[in-house]
Amino acid sequence: GLVQPGGSLRLSCTASGSIFSGSVMGWYRQAPGKQ
């Protein structure tokens, strides 16, 4: 969402499938024009 500087957000990611529990999971981000 949209938040002011200094604010907070909580992101969630839900995966289908039972393989999730044994996996190393990560968060990534991509800004405009960047990798």
Full PDB file with SEQRES, HELIX, SHEET, SSBOND, CRYST1, ORIGX, SCALE, CONECT and MASTER records, all heavy atoms in Angstrom:
SEQRES   1 A   35  GLY LEU VAL GLN PRO GLY GLY SER LEU ARG LEU SER CYS          
SEQRES   2 A   35  THR ALA SER GLY SER ILE PHE SER GLY SER VAL MET GLY          
SEQRES   3 A   35  TRP TYR ARG GLN ALA PRO GLY LYS GLN                          
HELIX    1 AA1 SER A   18  GLY A   22  5                                   5    
CRYST1    1.000    1.000    1.000  90.00  90.00  90.00 P 1           1          
ORIGX1      1.000000  0.000000  0.000000        0.00000                         
ORIGX2      0.000000  1.000000  0.000000        0.00000                         
ORIGX3      0.000000  0.000000  1.000000        0.00000                         
SCALE1      1.000000  0.000000  0.000000        0.00000                         
SCALE2      0.000000  1.000000  0.000000        0.00000                         
SCALE3      0.000000  0.000000  1.000000        0.00000                         
ATOM      1  N   GLY A   1       0.817  -1.199   0.000  1.00  0.00           N  
ATOM      2  CA  GLY A   1       0.000   0.000   0.000  1.00  0.00           C  
ATOM      3  C   GLY A   1       0.847   1.244   0.000  1.00  0.00           C  
ATOM      4  O   GLY A   1       2.068   1.188  -0.187  1.00  0.00           O  
ATOM      5  N   LEU A   2       0.173   2.364   0.222  1.00  0.00           N  
ATOM      6  CA  LEU A   2       0.838   3.660   0.298  1.00  0.00           C  
ATOM      7  C   LEU A   2       1.021   4.032   1.767  1.00  0.00           C  
ATOM      8  O   LEU A   2       0.051   3.983   2.541  1.00  0.00           O  
ATOM      9  CB  LEU A   2      -0.009   4.715  -0.411  1.00  0.00           C  
ATOM     10  CG  LEU A   2       0.445   6.164  -0.276  1.00  0.00           C  
ATOM     11  CD1 LEU A   2       1.809   6.362  -0.923  1.00  0.00           C  
ATOM     12  CD2 LEU A   2      -0.590   7.094  -0.896  1.00  0.00           C  
ATOM     13  N   VAL A   3       2.230   4.389   2.142  1.00  0.00           N  
ATOM     14  CA  VAL A   3       2.520   4.723   3.531  1.00  0.00           C  
ATOM     15  C   VAL A   3       3.491   5.895   3.557  1.00  0.00           C  
ATOM     16  O   VAL A   3       4.314   6.050   2.646  1.00  0.00           O  
ATOM     17  CB  VAL A   3       3.092   3.487   4.263  1.00  0.00           C  
ATOM     18  CG1 VAL A   3       4.410   3.050   3.674  1.00  0.00           C  
ATOM     19  CG2 VAL A   3       3.208   3.734   5.753  1.00  0.00           C  
ATOM     20  N   GLN A   4       3.395   6.696   4.598  1.00  0.00           N  
ATOM     21  CA  GLN A   4       4.297   7.826   4.744  1.00  0.00           C  
ATOM     22  C   GLN A   4       5.664   7.365   5.244  1.00  0.00           C  
ATOM     23  O   GLN A   4       5.763   6.317   5.901  1.00  0.00           O  
ATOM     24  CB  GLN A   4       3.710   8.849   5.715  1.00  0.00           C  
ATOM     25  CG  GLN A   4       2.470   9.548   5.187  1.00  0.00           C  
ATOM     26  CD  GLN A   4       2.007  10.658   6.111  1.00  0.00           C  
ATOM     27  OE1 GLN A   4       2.371  10.715   7.281  1.00  0.00           O  
ATOM     28  NE2 GLN A   4       1.198  11.563   5.586  1.00  0.00           N  
ATOM     29  N   PRO A   5       6.704   8.125   4.969  1.00  0.00           N  
ATOM     30  CA  PRO A   5       8.022   7.787   5.520  1.00  0.00           C  
ATOM     31  C   PRO A   5       7.947   7.632   7.039  1.00  0.00           C  
ATOM     32  O   PRO A   5       7.287   8.424   7.722  1.00  0.00           O  
ATOM     33  CB  PRO A   5       8.881   8.982   5.118  1.00  0.00           C  
ATOM     34  CG  PRO A   5       8.242   9.495   3.871  1.00  0.00           C  
ATOM     35  CD  PRO A   5       6.763   9.297   4.075  1.00  0.00           C  
ATOM     36  N   GLY A   6       8.593   6.608   7.542  1.00  0.00           N  
ATOM     37  CA  GLY A   6       8.551   6.301   8.960  1.00  0.00           C  
ATOM     38  C   GLY A   6       7.441   5.349   9.349  1.00  0.00           C  
ATOM     39  O   GLY A   6       7.402   4.873  10.493  1.00  0.00           O  
ATOM     40  N   GLY A   7       6.551   5.066   8.423  1.00  0.00           N  
ATOM     41  CA  GLY A   7       5.428   4.184   8.695  1.00  0.00           C  
ATOM     42  C   GLY A   7       5.786   2.715   8.607  1.00  0.00           C  
ATOM     43  O   GLY A   7       6.946   2.340   8.386  1.00  0.00           O  
ATOM     44  N   SER A   8       4.760   1.881   8.776  1.00  0.00           N  
ATOM     45  CA  SER A   8       4.951   0.430   8.794  1.00  0.00           C  
ATOM     46  C   SER A   8       3.939  -0.261   7.899  1.00  0.00           C  
ATOM     47  O   SER A   8       2.838   0.250   7.676  1.00  0.00           O  
ATOM     48  CB  SER A   8       4.787  -0.108  10.221  1.00  0.00           C  
ATOM     49  OG  SER A   8       5.751   0.440  11.095  1.00  0.00           O  
ATOM     50  N   LEU A   9       4.332  -1.414   7.417  1.00  0.00           N  
ATOM     51  CA  LEU A   9       3.445  -2.305   6.670  1.00  0.00           C  
ATOM     52  C   LEU A   9       3.833  -3.739   6.988  1.00  0.00           C  
ATOM     53  O   LEU A   9       4.997  -4.017   7.305  1.00  0.00           O  
ATOM     54  CB  LEU A   9       3.564  -2.093   5.155  1.00  0.00           C  
ATOM     55  CG  LEU A   9       2.892  -0.875   4.525  1.00  0.00           C  
ATOM     56  CD1 LEU A   9       3.266  -0.785   3.057  1.00  0.00           C  
ATOM     57  CD2 LEU A   9       1.383  -0.947   4.673  1.00  0.00           C  
ATOM     58  N   ARG A  10       2.877  -4.633   6.865  1.00  0.00           N  
ATOM     59  CA  ARG A  10       3.145  -6.060   7.023  1.00  0.00           C  
ATOM     60  C   ARG A  10       2.702  -6.783   5.767  1.00  0.00           C  
ATOM     61  O   ARG A  10       1.509  -6.774   5.441  1.00  0.00           O  
ATOM     62  CB  ARG A  10       2.406  -6.637   8.228  1.00  0.00           C  
ATOM     63  CG  ARG A  10       2.827  -8.063   8.576  1.00  0.00           C  
ATOM     64  CD  ARG A  10       1.863  -8.697   9.533  1.00  0.00           C  
ATOM     65  NE  ARG A  10       2.395  -9.918  10.136  1.00  0.00           N  
ATOM     66  CZ  ARG A  10       1.623 -10.902  10.606  1.00  0.00           C  
ATOM     67  NH1 ARG A  10       0.315 -10.789  10.577  1.00  0.00           N  
ATOM     68  NH2 ARG A  10       2.184 -11.974  11.154  1.00  0.00           N  
ATOM     69  N   LEU A  11       3.637  -7.380   5.092  1.00  0.00           N  
ATOM     70  CA  LEU A  11       3.347  -8.124   3.882  1.00  0.00           C  
ATOM     71  C   LEU A  11       3.153  -9.606   4.213  1.00  0.00           C  
ATOM     72  O   LEU A  11       3.772 -10.130   5.145  1.00  0.00           O  
ATOM     73  CB  LEU A  11       4.489  -7.989   2.871  1.00  0.00           C  
ATOM     74  CG  LEU A  11       4.912  -6.574   2.512  1.00  0.00           C  
ATOM     75  CD1 LEU A  11       5.999  -6.624   1.431  1.00  0.00           C  
ATOM     76  CD2 LEU A  11       3.744  -5.731   2.067  1.00  0.00           C  
ATOM     77  N   SER A  12       2.317 -10.256   3.421  1.00  0.00           N  
ATOM     78  CA  SER A  12       2.085 -11.693   3.561  1.00  0.00           C  
ATOM     79  C   SER A  12       2.280 -12.364   2.214  1.00  0.00           C  
ATOM     80  O   SER A  12       2.001 -11.779   1.165  1.00  0.00           O  
ATOM     81  CB  SER A  12       0.663 -11.976   4.055  1.00  0.00           C  
ATOM     82  OG  SER A  12       0.427 -11.395   5.315  1.00  0.00           O  
ATOM     83  N   CYS A  13       2.733 -13.592   2.258  1.00  0.00           N  
ATOM     84  CA  CYS A  13       2.874 -14.399   1.050  1.00  0.00           C  
ATOM     85  C   CYS A  13       2.406 -15.805   1.378  1.00  0.00           C  
ATOM     86  O   CYS A  13       3.002 -16.465   2.237  1.00  0.00           O  
ATOM     87  CB  CYS A  13       4.315 -14.411   0.584  1.00  0.00           C  
ATOM     88  SG  CYS A  13       4.655 -15.592  -0.741  1.00  0.00           S  
ATOM     89  N   THR A  14       1.374 -16.229   0.699  1.00  0.00           N  
ATOM     90  CA  THR A  14       0.827 -17.559   0.929  1.00  0.00           C  
ATOM     91  C   THR A  14       1.135 -18.449  -0.264  1.00  0.00           C  
ATOM     92  O   THR A  14       0.953 -18.053  -1.413  1.00  0.00           O  
ATOM     93  CB  THR A  14      -0.686 -17.496   1.163  1.00  0.00           C  
ATOM     94  OG1 THR A  14      -0.938 -16.689   2.317  1.00  0.00           O  
ATOM     95  CG2 THR A  14      -1.252 -18.888   1.418  1.00  0.00           C  
ATOM     96  N   ALA A  15       1.624 -19.642   0.045  1.00  0.00           N  
ATOM     97  CA  ALA A  15       1.990 -20.589  -1.003  1.00  0.00           C  
ATOM     98  C   ALA A  15       1.056 -21.795  -0.978  1.00  0.00           C  
ATOM     99  O   ALA A  15       0.690 -22.278   0.090  1.00  0.00           O  
ATOM    100  CB  ALA A  15       3.427 -21.066  -0.789  1.00  0.00           C  
ATOM    101  N   SER A  16       0.674 -22.235  -2.142  1.00  0.00           N  
ATOM    102  CA  SER A  16      -0.091 -23.471  -2.235  1.00  0.00           C  
ATOM    103  C   SER A  16       0.892 -24.638  -2.228  1.00  0.00           C  
ATOM    104  O   SER A  16       2.038 -24.488  -2.655  1.00  0.00           O  
ATOM    105  CB  SER A  16      -0.912 -23.499  -3.523  1.00  0.00           C  
ATOM    106  OG  SER A  16      -0.053 -23.467  -4.647  1.00  0.00           O  
ATOM    107  N   GLY A  17       0.508 -25.763  -1.693  1.00  0.00           N  
ATOM    108  CA  GLY A  17       1.398 -26.910  -1.745  1.00  0.00           C  
ATOM    109  C   GLY A  17       2.166 -27.140  -0.463  1.00  0.00           C  
ATOM    110  O   GLY A  17       2.549 -26.197   0.221  1.00  0.00           O  
ATOM    111  N   SER A  18       2.417 -28.377  -0.138  1.00  0.00           N  
ATOM    112  CA  SER A  18       3.038 -28.745   1.130  1.00  0.00           C  
ATOM    113  C   SER A  18       4.549 -28.616   1.121  1.00  0.00           C  
ATOM    114  O   SER A  18       5.175 -28.776   2.149  1.00  0.00           O  
ATOM    115  CB  SER A  18       2.669 -30.181   1.492  1.00  0.00           C  
ATOM    116  OG  SER A  18       3.111 -31.054   0.457  1.00  0.00           O  
ATOM    117  N   ILE A  19       5.153 -28.303  -0.009  1.00  0.00           N  
ATOM    118  CA  ILE A  19       6.597 -28.212  -0.076  1.00  0.00           C  
ATOM    119  C   ILE A  19       7.111 -26.988   0.675  1.00  0.00           C  
ATOM    120  O   ILE A  19       8.278 -26.881   0.991  1.00  0.00           O  
ATOM    121  CB  ILE A  19       7.056 -28.165  -1.548  1.00  0.00           C  
ATOM    122  CG1 ILE A  19       8.542 -28.466  -1.657  1.00  0.00           C  
ATOM    123  CG2 ILE A  19       6.726 -26.829  -2.176  1.00  0.00           C  
ATOM    124  CD1 ILE A  19       9.023 -28.626  -3.085  1.00  0.00           C  
ATOM    125  N   PHE A  20       6.222 -26.077   0.992  1.00  0.00           N  
ATOM    126  CA  PHE A  20       6.607 -24.813   1.608  1.00  0.00           C  
ATOM    127  C   PHE A  20       7.411 -25.010   2.882  1.00  0.00           C  
ATOM    128  O   PHE A  20       8.405 -24.351   3.110  1.00  0.00           O  
ATOM    129  CB  PHE A  20       5.346 -23.992   1.885  1.00  0.00           C  
ATOM    130  CG  PHE A  20       5.594 -22.725   2.642  1.00  0.00           C  
ATOM    131  CD1 PHE A  20       5.946 -21.565   1.985  1.00  0.00           C  
ATOM    132  CD2 PHE A  20       5.461 -22.696   4.025  1.00  0.00           C  
ATOM    133  CE1 PHE A  20       6.174 -20.389   2.688  1.00  0.00           C  
ATOM    134  CE2 PHE A  20       5.685 -21.530   4.734  1.00  0.00           C  
ATOM    135  CZ  PHE A  20       6.035 -20.376   4.068  1.00  0.00           C  
ATOM    136  N   SER A  21       6.987 -25.919   3.753  1.00  0.00           N  
ATOM    137  CA  SER A  21       7.550 -26.010   5.099  1.00  0.00           C  
ATOM    138  C   SER A  21       9.040 -26.353   5.093  1.00  0.00           C  
ATOM    139  O   SER A  21       9.760 -25.985   6.007  1.00  0.00           O  
ATOM    140  CB  SER A  21       6.786 -27.041   5.931  1.00  0.00           C  
ATOM    141  OG  SER A  21       6.901 -28.315   5.331  1.00  0.00           O  
ATOM    142  N   GLY A  22       9.536 -27.046   4.083  1.00  0.00           N  
ATOM    143  CA  GLY A  22      10.940 -27.421   4.033  1.00  0.00           C  
ATOM    144  C   GLY A  22      11.801 -26.489   3.213  1.00  0.00           C  
ATOM    145  O   GLY A  22      13.004 -26.730   3.042  1.00  0.00           O  
ATOM    146  N   SER A  23      11.221 -25.411   2.746  1.00  0.00           N  
ATOM    147  CA  SER A  23      11.913 -24.507   1.839  1.00  0.00           C  
ATOM    148  C   SER A  23      12.462 -23.287   2.566  1.00  0.00           C  
ATOM    149  O   SER A  23      11.824 -22.778   3.488  1.00  0.00           O  
ATOM    150  CB  SER A  23      10.964 -24.040   0.731  1.00  0.00           C  
ATOM    151  OG  SER A  23      10.475 -25.127  -0.018  1.00  0.00           O  
ATOM    152  N   VAL A  24      13.618 -22.825   2.116  1.00  0.00           N  
ATOM    153  CA  VAL A  24      14.104 -21.514   2.542  1.00  0.00           C  
ATOM    154  C   VAL A  24      13.355 -20.480   1.695  1.00  0.00           C  
ATOM    155  O   VAL A  24      13.450 -20.502   0.472  1.00  0.00           O  
ATOM    156  CB  VAL A  24      15.619 -21.368   2.340  1.00  0.00           C  
ATOM    157  CG1 VAL A  24      16.083 -19.980   2.771  1.00  0.00           C  
ATOM    158  CG2 VAL A  24      16.369 -22.450   3.105  1.00  0.00           C  
ATOM    159  N   MET A  25      12.628 -19.614   2.363  1.00  0.00           N  
ATOM    160  CA  MET A  25      11.797 -18.631   1.651  1.00  0.00           C  
ATOM    161  C   MET A  25      12.390 -17.239   1.804  1.00  0.00           C  
ATOM    162  O   MET A  25      12.977 -16.899   2.838  1.00  0.00           O  
ATOM    163  CB  MET A  25      10.380 -18.644   2.192  1.00  0.00           C  
ATOM    164  CG  MET A  25       9.649 -19.956   1.958  1.00  0.00           C  
ATOM    165  SD  MET A  25       9.430 -20.331   0.206  1.00  0.00           S  
ATOM    166  CE  MET A  25       8.363 -18.981  -0.321  1.00  0.00           C  
ATOM    167  N   GLY A  26      12.215 -16.449   0.766  1.00  0.00           N  
ATOM    168  CA  GLY A  26      12.759 -15.105   0.795  1.00  0.00           C  
ATOM    169  C   GLY A  26      11.794 -14.070   0.265  1.00  0.00           C  
ATOM    170  O   GLY A  26      10.830 -14.398  -0.438  1.00  0.00           O  
ATOM    171  N   TRP A  27      12.049 -12.849   0.645  1.00  0.00           N  
ATOM    172  CA  TRP A  27      11.359 -11.694   0.078  1.00  0.00           C  
ATOM    173  C   TRP A  27      12.346 -10.967  -0.840  1.00  0.00           C  
ATOM    174  O   TRP A  27      13.534 -10.834  -0.513  1.00  0.00           O  
ATOM    175  CB  TRP A  27      10.864 -10.748   1.158  1.00  0.00           C  
ATOM    176  CG  TRP A  27       9.606 -11.200   1.818  1.00  0.00           C  
ATOM    177  CD1 TRP A  27       9.485 -11.880   2.996  1.00  0.00           C  
ATOM    178  CD2 TRP A  27       8.270 -10.994   1.340  1.00  0.00           C  
ATOM    179  NE1 TRP A  27       8.163 -12.114   3.278  1.00  0.00           N  
ATOM    180  CE2 TRP A  27       7.396 -11.582   2.272  1.00  0.00           C  
ATOM    181  CE3 TRP A  27       7.729 -10.375   0.214  1.00  0.00           C  
ATOM    182  CZ2 TRP A  27       6.006 -11.571   2.113  1.00  0.00           C  
ATOM    183  CZ3 TRP A  27       6.354 -10.358   0.055  1.00  0.00           C  
ATOM    184  CH2 TRP A  27       5.510 -10.947   0.998  1.00  0.00           C  
ATOM    185  N   TYR A  28      11.819 -10.504  -1.958  1.00  0.00           N  
ATOM    186  CA  TYR A  28      12.587  -9.751  -2.928  1.00  0.00           C  
ATOM    187  C   TYR A  28      11.805  -8.480  -3.261  1.00  0.00           C  
ATOM    188  O   TYR A  28      10.610  -8.402  -2.984  1.00  0.00           O  
ATOM    189  CB  TYR A  28      12.770 -10.571  -4.221  1.00  0.00           C  
ATOM    190  CG  TYR A  28      13.457 -11.888  -4.026  1.00  0.00           C  
ATOM    191  CD1 TYR A  28      12.783 -12.999  -3.533  1.00  0.00           C  
ATOM    192  CD2 TYR A  28      14.804 -12.042  -4.362  1.00  0.00           C  
ATOM    193  CE1 TYR A  28      13.416 -14.217  -3.362  1.00  0.00           C  
ATOM    194  CE2 TYR A  28      15.450 -13.257  -4.195  1.00  0.00           C  
ATOM    195  CZ  TYR A  28      14.745 -14.333  -3.699  1.00  0.00           C  
ATOM    196  OH  TYR A  28      15.385 -15.546  -3.537  1.00  0.00           O  
ATOM    197  N   ARG A  29      12.476  -7.540  -3.883  1.00  0.00           N  
ATOM    198  CA  ARG A  29      11.764  -6.344  -4.333  1.00  0.00           C  
ATOM    199  C   ARG A  29      12.374  -5.831  -5.636  1.00  0.00           C  
ATOM    200  O   ARG A  29      13.548  -6.069  -5.916  1.00  0.00           O  
ATOM    201  CB  ARG A  29      11.783  -5.246  -3.272  1.00  0.00           C  
ATOM    202  CG  ARG A  29      13.161  -4.664  -2.971  1.00  0.00           C  
ATOM    203  CD  ARG A  29      13.060  -3.704  -1.789  1.00  0.00           C  
ATOM    204  NE  ARG A  29      14.353  -3.102  -1.469  1.00  0.00           N  
ATOM    205  CZ  ARG A  29      14.566  -2.331  -0.401  1.00  0.00           C  
ATOM    206  NH1 ARG A  29      13.572  -2.079   0.443  1.00  0.00           N  
ATOM    207  NH2 ARG A  29      15.766  -1.815  -0.192  1.00  0.00           N  
ATOM    208  N   GLN A  30      11.530  -5.159  -6.391  1.00  0.00           N  
ATOM    209  CA  GLN A  30      11.975  -4.586  -7.657  1.00  0.00           C  
ATOM    210  C   GLN A  30      11.431  -3.182  -7.780  1.00  0.00           C  
ATOM    211  O   GLN A  30      10.210  -2.987  -7.851  1.00  0.00           O  
ATOM    212  CB  GLN A  30      11.527  -5.445  -8.836  1.00  0.00           C  
ATOM    213  CG  GLN A  30      12.093  -4.983 -10.162  1.00  0.00           C  
ATOM    214  CD  GLN A  30      11.910  -6.003 -11.259  1.00  0.00           C  
ATOM    215  OE1 GLN A  30      11.088  -6.919 -11.162  1.00  0.00           O  
ATOM    216  NE2 GLN A  30      12.690  -5.886 -12.327  1.00  0.00           N  
ATOM    217  N   ALA A  31      12.327  -2.222  -7.768  1.00  0.00           N  
ATOM    218  CA  ALA A  31      11.954  -0.819  -7.940  1.00  0.00           C  
ATOM    219  C   ALA A  31      11.920  -0.497  -9.433  1.00  0.00           C  
ATOM    220  O   ALA A  31      12.557  -1.182 -10.237  1.00  0.00           O  
ATOM    221  CB  ALA A  31      12.949   0.073  -7.220  1.00  0.00           C  
ATOM    222  N   PRO A  32      11.194   0.550  -9.810  1.00  0.00           N  
ATOM    223  CA  PRO A  32      11.108   0.918 -11.229  1.00  0.00           C  
ATOM    224  C   PRO A  32      12.489   1.132 -11.840  1.00  0.00           C  
ATOM    225  O   PRO A  32      13.326   1.845 -11.277  1.00  0.00           O  
ATOM    226  CB  PRO A  32      10.306   2.215 -11.200  1.00  0.00           C  
ATOM    227  CG  PRO A  32       9.493   2.123  -9.955  1.00  0.00           C  
ATOM    228  CD  PRO A  32      10.360   1.414  -8.967  1.00  0.00           C  
ATOM    229  N   GLY A  33      12.733   0.483 -12.964  1.00  0.00           N  
ATOM    230  CA  GLY A  33      13.990   0.651 -13.672  1.00  0.00           C  
ATOM    231  C   GLY A  33      15.172  -0.080 -13.062  1.00  0.00           C  
ATOM    232  O   GLY A  33      16.306   0.087 -13.520  1.00  0.00           O  
ATOM    233  N   LYS A  34      14.922  -0.886 -12.036  1.00  0.00           N  
ATOM    234  CA  LYS A  34      16.010  -1.611 -11.371  1.00  0.00           C  
ATOM    235  C   LYS A  34      15.765  -3.107 -11.413  1.00  0.00           C  
ATOM    236  O   LYS A  34      14.653  -3.561 -11.641  1.00  0.00           O  
ATOM    237  CB  LYS A  34      16.156  -1.142  -9.926  1.00  0.00           C  
ATOM    238  CG  LYS A  34      16.568   0.313  -9.782  1.00  0.00           C  
ATOM    239  CD  LYS A  34      16.860   0.654  -8.340  1.00  0.00           C  
ATOM    240  CE  LYS A  34      17.353   2.083  -8.203  1.00  0.00           C  
ATOM    241  NZ  LYS A  34      17.661   2.417  -6.783  1.00  0.00           N  
ATOM    242  N   GLN A  35      16.836  -3.857 -11.183  1.00  0.00           N  
ATOM    243  CA  GLN A  35      16.707  -5.301 -11.128  1.00  0.00           C  
ATOM    244  C   GLN A  35      16.093  -5.738  -9.809  1.00  0.00           C  
ATOM    245  O   GLN A  35      16.173  -5.025  -8.797  1.00  0.00           O  
ATOM    246  CB  GLN A  35      18.086  -5.946 -11.292  1.00  0.00           C  
ATOM    247  CG  GLN A  35      18.661  -5.832 -12.695  1.00  0.00           C  
ATOM    248  CD  GLN A  35      19.905  -6.678 -12.875  1.00  0.00           C  
ATOM    249  OE1 GLN A  35      20.643  -6.900 -11.919  1.00  0.00           O  
ATOM    250  NE2 GLN A  35      20.137  -7.144 -14.091  1.00  0.00           N  
TER     251      GLN A  35                                                      
MASTER        0    0    0    1    0    0    0    6  250    1    0    3          
END                                                                             
